[in-house]
Protein backbone atom coordinates (compact mmCIF):
# COMPACT_ATOMS: atom_id res chain seq x y z
CA MET A 1 14.97 3.34 -19.38
CA TYR A 2 13.31 1.58 -16.46
CA PRO A 3 9.92 3.00 -15.29
CA ASP A 4 9.84 2.93 -11.51
CA ASN A 5 6.19 3.97 -11.20
CA LEU A 6 4.53 0.79 -12.48
CA ARG A 7 2.73 -1.43 -9.98
CA ILE A 8 0.90 -4.75 -10.07
CA PHE A 9 -2.78 -4.45 -9.14
CA MET A 10 -4.81 -7.37 -7.81
CA ILE A 11 -8.40 -6.31 -8.53
CA TYR A 12 -11.76 -7.77 -7.50
CA LEU A 13 -14.11 -7.18 -10.43
CA GLY A 14 -17.89 -7.29 -10.55
CA CYS A 15 -20.32 -7.16 -13.46
CA GLY A 16 -23.65 -8.25 -14.85
CA MET A 17 -23.91 -11.01 -17.46
CA ASN A 18 -26.69 -12.07 -19.79
CA GLY A 19 -28.46 -15.15 -18.45
CA ARG A 20 -27.16 -14.70 -14.90
CA ILE A 21 -29.35 -13.79 -11.92
CA THR A 22 -26.65 -12.45 -9.62
CA GLU A 23 -23.63 -10.21 -10.07
CA GLN A 24 -20.56 -12.09 -11.33
CA HIS A 25 -17.09 -11.64 -9.84
CA ASP A 26 -13.50 -12.49 -10.66
CA ILE A 27 -9.93 -11.59 -9.72
CA PHE A 28 -7.87 -9.68 -12.27
CA PHE A 29 -4.14 -8.89 -12.29
CA GLY A 30 -3.00 -5.84 -14.23
CA VAL A 31 -0.24 -3.24 -14.36
CA GLY A 32 -0.53 0.52 -14.07
CA GLU A 33 0.61 3.63 -12.24
CA SER A 34 -2.61 4.05 -10.23
CA ILE A 35 -6.12 2.62 -9.99
CA ASP A 36 -7.23 5.50 -12.26
CA ASP A 37 -4.68 4.63 -14.96
CA LEU A 38 -6.59 4.38 -18.24
CA SER A 39 -4.17 1.76 -19.57
CA LEU A 40 -5.06 -0.41 -16.55
CA HIS A 41 -8.77 0.06 -17.25
CA ALA A 42 -8.16 -0.93 -20.90
CA GLN A 43 -6.53 -4.17 -19.69
CA ILE A 44 -9.57 -4.86 -17.50
CA LYS A 45 -12.07 -4.25 -20.31
CA SER A 46 -10.23 -6.48 -22.76
CA SER A 47 -10.18 -9.31 -20.19
CA TRP A 48 -13.98 -9.34 -19.83
CA PRO A 49 -15.44 -7.90 -23.08
CA ASP A 50 -19.00 -9.23 -22.63
CA ALA A 51 -19.41 -7.84 -19.09
CA LYS A 52 -22.13 -5.30 -18.35
CA ASN A 53 -21.64 -2.50 -15.81
CA LEU A 54 -18.08 -3.73 -15.26
CA HIS A 55 -16.72 -2.24 -12.05
CA ILE A 56 -14.02 -2.54 -9.39
CA ASP A 57 -15.23 -3.63 -5.96
CA GLY A 58 -11.78 -3.55 -4.38
CA TYR A 59 -8.09 -3.86 -5.08
CA LYS A 60 -4.61 -4.30 -3.64
CA ILE A 61 -1.35 -2.87 -4.93
CA ILE A 62 1.19 -5.68 -4.66
CA ARG A 63 4.39 -4.20 -3.24
CA GLN A 64 5.51 -6.76 -0.66
CA VAL A 65 4.80 -10.51 -0.40
CA GLY A 66 6.38 -12.19 2.59
CA ASP A 67 10.08 -11.34 2.62
CA TYR A 68 10.12 -10.12 -0.98
CA THR A 69 9.61 -6.71 -2.55
CA VAL A 70 7.63 -6.96 -5.79
CA ARG A 71 8.52 -4.85 -8.84
CA VAL A 72 7.30 -4.99 -12.42
CA HIS A 73 8.58 -3.68 -15.75
CA ARG A 74 7.87 -4.09 -19.43
CA LYS A 75 9.79 -6.92 -21.00
CA ALA A 76 11.20 -4.50 -23.57
CA ASP A 77 12.73 -2.25 -20.90
CA LEU A 78 16.18 -2.58 -19.42
CA LEU A 79 16.67 -3.83 -15.89
CA PRO A 80 17.11 -1.12 -13.24
CA PRO A 81 20.74 0.01 -12.96
CA ASN A 82 20.80 -0.06 -9.16
CA GLY A 83 22.95 -3.15 -8.73
CA ALA A 84 20.14 -5.12 -7.11
CA ILE A 85 19.92 -8.75 -8.15
CA PRO A 86 16.39 -10.13 -8.48
CA SER A 87 15.46 -13.48 -6.99
CA ASN A 88 14.82 -16.55 -9.14
CA LYS A 89 11.64 -17.26 -7.22
CA THR A 90 8.12 -16.84 -8.65
CA LEU A 91 5.03 -14.97 -7.47
CA PHE A 92 1.97 -17.24 -7.31
CA PHE A 93 -1.72 -16.56 -6.69
CA ALA A 94 -3.69 -19.26 -4.89
CA ASN A 95 -7.48 -19.33 -4.53
CA ALA A 96 -8.54 -21.53 -1.61
CA GLY A 97 -12.19 -22.50 -1.32
CA PHE A 98 -14.05 -23.65 1.77
CA TYR A 99 -17.51 -23.77 3.35
CA LEU A 100 -18.48 -22.15 6.66
CA LYS A 101 -21.63 -23.19 8.49
CA SER A 102 -22.36 -19.50 9.04
CA GLU A 103 -22.32 -18.70 5.30
CA GLU A 104 -24.74 -19.74 2.55
CA GLY A 105 -22.28 -20.11 -0.32
CA GLU A 106 -18.68 -21.10 -0.85
CA SER A 107 -16.10 -18.80 0.74
CA HIS A 108 -12.62 -18.12 -0.59
CA LYS A 109 -9.26 -16.99 0.70
CA TRP A 110 -6.86 -15.43 -1.79
CA LEU A 111 -3.16 -16.00 -1.13
CA LEU A 112 -0.03 -14.52 -2.70
CA LEU A 113 3.03 -16.73 -2.29
CA VAL A 114 6.66 -16.38 -3.36
CA LEU A 115 7.99 -19.85 -4.11
CA ASP A 116 10.44 -21.77 -6.30
CA ASP A 117 7.87 -23.91 -8.08
CA ILE A 118 4.10 -24.27 -8.48
CA SER A 119 4.29 -27.69 -6.81
CA GLU A 120 4.99 -25.82 -3.54
CA VAL A 121 1.73 -23.85 -3.60
CA LYS A 122 -0.37 -26.57 -1.94
CA PRO A 123 1.92 -27.32 1.05
CA GLU A 124 2.60 -23.62 1.64
CA ALA A 125 -1.12 -22.80 1.54
CA MET A 126 -1.62 -25.42 4.25
CA LYS A 127 0.64 -23.41 6.55
CA HIS A 128 -1.22 -20.12 6.18
CA PRO A 129 -2.33 -18.80 9.60
CA PHE A 130 -5.79 -17.92 8.27
CA PHE A 131 -6.82 -21.57 8.30
CA LYS A 132 -5.74 -21.92 11.92
CA SER A 133 -7.46 -18.75 13.09
CA GLU A 134 -10.05 -18.71 15.85
CA ASN A 135 -12.76 -17.82 13.34
CA MET A 136 -12.03 -20.87 11.17
CA VAL A 137 -11.53 -23.34 14.01
CA ASN A 138 -14.06 -22.26 16.63
CA LYS A 139 -16.53 -19.54 15.66
CA SER A 140 -17.59 -20.80 12.23
CA PRO A 141 -16.94 -24.56 12.00
CA VAL A 142 -16.14 -25.60 8.47
CA ILE A 143 -17.78 -28.29 6.39
CA PRO A 144 -15.54 -30.78 4.53
CA HIS A 145 -14.88 -29.40 1.06
CA ARG A 146 -13.65 -30.55 -2.32
CA ASP A 147 -13.89 -28.73 -5.64
CA ASN A 148 -11.12 -30.64 -7.37
CA GLU A 149 -8.24 -32.96 -6.60
CA ILE A 150 -5.93 -30.50 -4.86
CA GLU A 151 -6.43 -31.17 -1.17
CA VAL A 152 -5.14 -28.42 1.07
CA LEU A 153 -5.97 -28.58 4.73
CA ALA A 154 -7.34 -31.05 7.26
CA THR A 155 -8.60 -30.14 10.72
CA ASN A 156 -9.56 -32.85 13.20
CA GLY A 157 -9.29 -35.40 10.43
CA LYS A 158 -11.61 -33.49 8.06
CA LYS A 159 -10.42 -31.75 4.93
CA VAL A 160 -11.82 -28.24 5.06
CA ALA A 161 -10.34 -26.36 2.10
CA ASP A 162 -9.04 -26.82 -1.45
CA VAL A 163 -6.80 -24.75 -3.66
CA ASP A 164 -9.22 -24.31 -6.53
CA ASP A 165 -6.75 -22.27 -8.59
CA GLN A 166 -2.96 -21.81 -8.52
CA ILE A 167 -1.44 -19.44 -11.05
CA ASN A 168 1.91 -17.87 -11.87
CA VAL A 169 1.05 -14.15 -11.72
CA GLU A 170 3.56 -13.19 -14.40
CA SER A 171 1.79 -15.49 -16.87
CA LEU A 172 -1.26 -13.19 -16.58
CA LEU A 173 0.62 -9.96 -17.32
CA LYS A 174 1.59 -10.57 -20.98
CA GLU A 175 4.25 -7.98 -21.85
CA TYR A 176 5.38 -7.46 -18.26
CA THR A 177 8.02 -9.15 -16.12
CA VAL A 178 7.70 -9.60 -12.36
CA MET A 179 10.89 -9.04 -10.35
CA LEU A 180 11.26 -10.14 -6.73
CA TYR A 181 13.91 -8.80 -4.37
CA LYS A 182 14.72 -10.29 -0.98
CA HIS A 183 13.72 -7.67 1.57
CA VAL A 184 12.42 -8.44 5.04
CA SER A 185 9.74 -5.91 5.94
CA ASP A 186 6.81 -5.50 8.31
CA GLN A 187 4.88 -3.75 5.53
CA GLU A 188 1.61 -5.38 4.54
CA ASP A 189 -0.26 -4.40 1.42
CA GLU A 190 -3.78 -3.40 2.40
CA TRP A 191 -6.96 -4.23 0.53
CA VAL A 192 -8.86 -1.12 -0.60
CA HIS A 193 -12.65 -1.47 -0.67
CA LEU A 194 -14.20 0.83 -3.27
CA GLY A 195 -17.78 -0.48 -3.17
CA PHE A 196 -18.52 0.34 -6.82
CA TYR A 197 -15.95 2.00 -9.06
CA PRO A 198 -16.89 1.84 -12.77
CA VAL A 199 -14.24 0.75 -15.25
CA GLN A 200 -13.55 3.74 -17.47
CA LYS A 201 -14.61 3.59 -21.11
């Protein structure tokens, strides 16, 4: 049997940590039926066992990335008997870091990309319209940035952003398989800001 109600959640987590002055944050990918799904909360807790006051600041349900519909199922389940053939492409998460003169710390842009290979993440990230937006180019001039050796974008001869992390999303989901189906859609998955939503015990 193929469960059609499972979804991939991209979650922005916050917590306190011993020895740290400020709240710590990270991105987590998990699978559940809803943001209240206790099995999803169990996945979150096991990923950050030493966190204090672990909570969800915001999340996105990943249904559509570019021209691809995103589905997920347990590896032990059968494929859906609807005749649809999944793509051989892969869903990647990219974390691009950059500095804005208007901000004190490092800023980040999270990208979801459907590609053939991880080697394509860097050049595709360079094409993202965010880095060519009026805010990036004019309102908040960026400072040249490098966190590691993966150079991403140059504006006016200055490199302004790096892909600090590039990850195959399925590799984070353990017993789940990500399936991508070619489907052109205007639908955009919206980010839901919760403010402070405690992870259930």
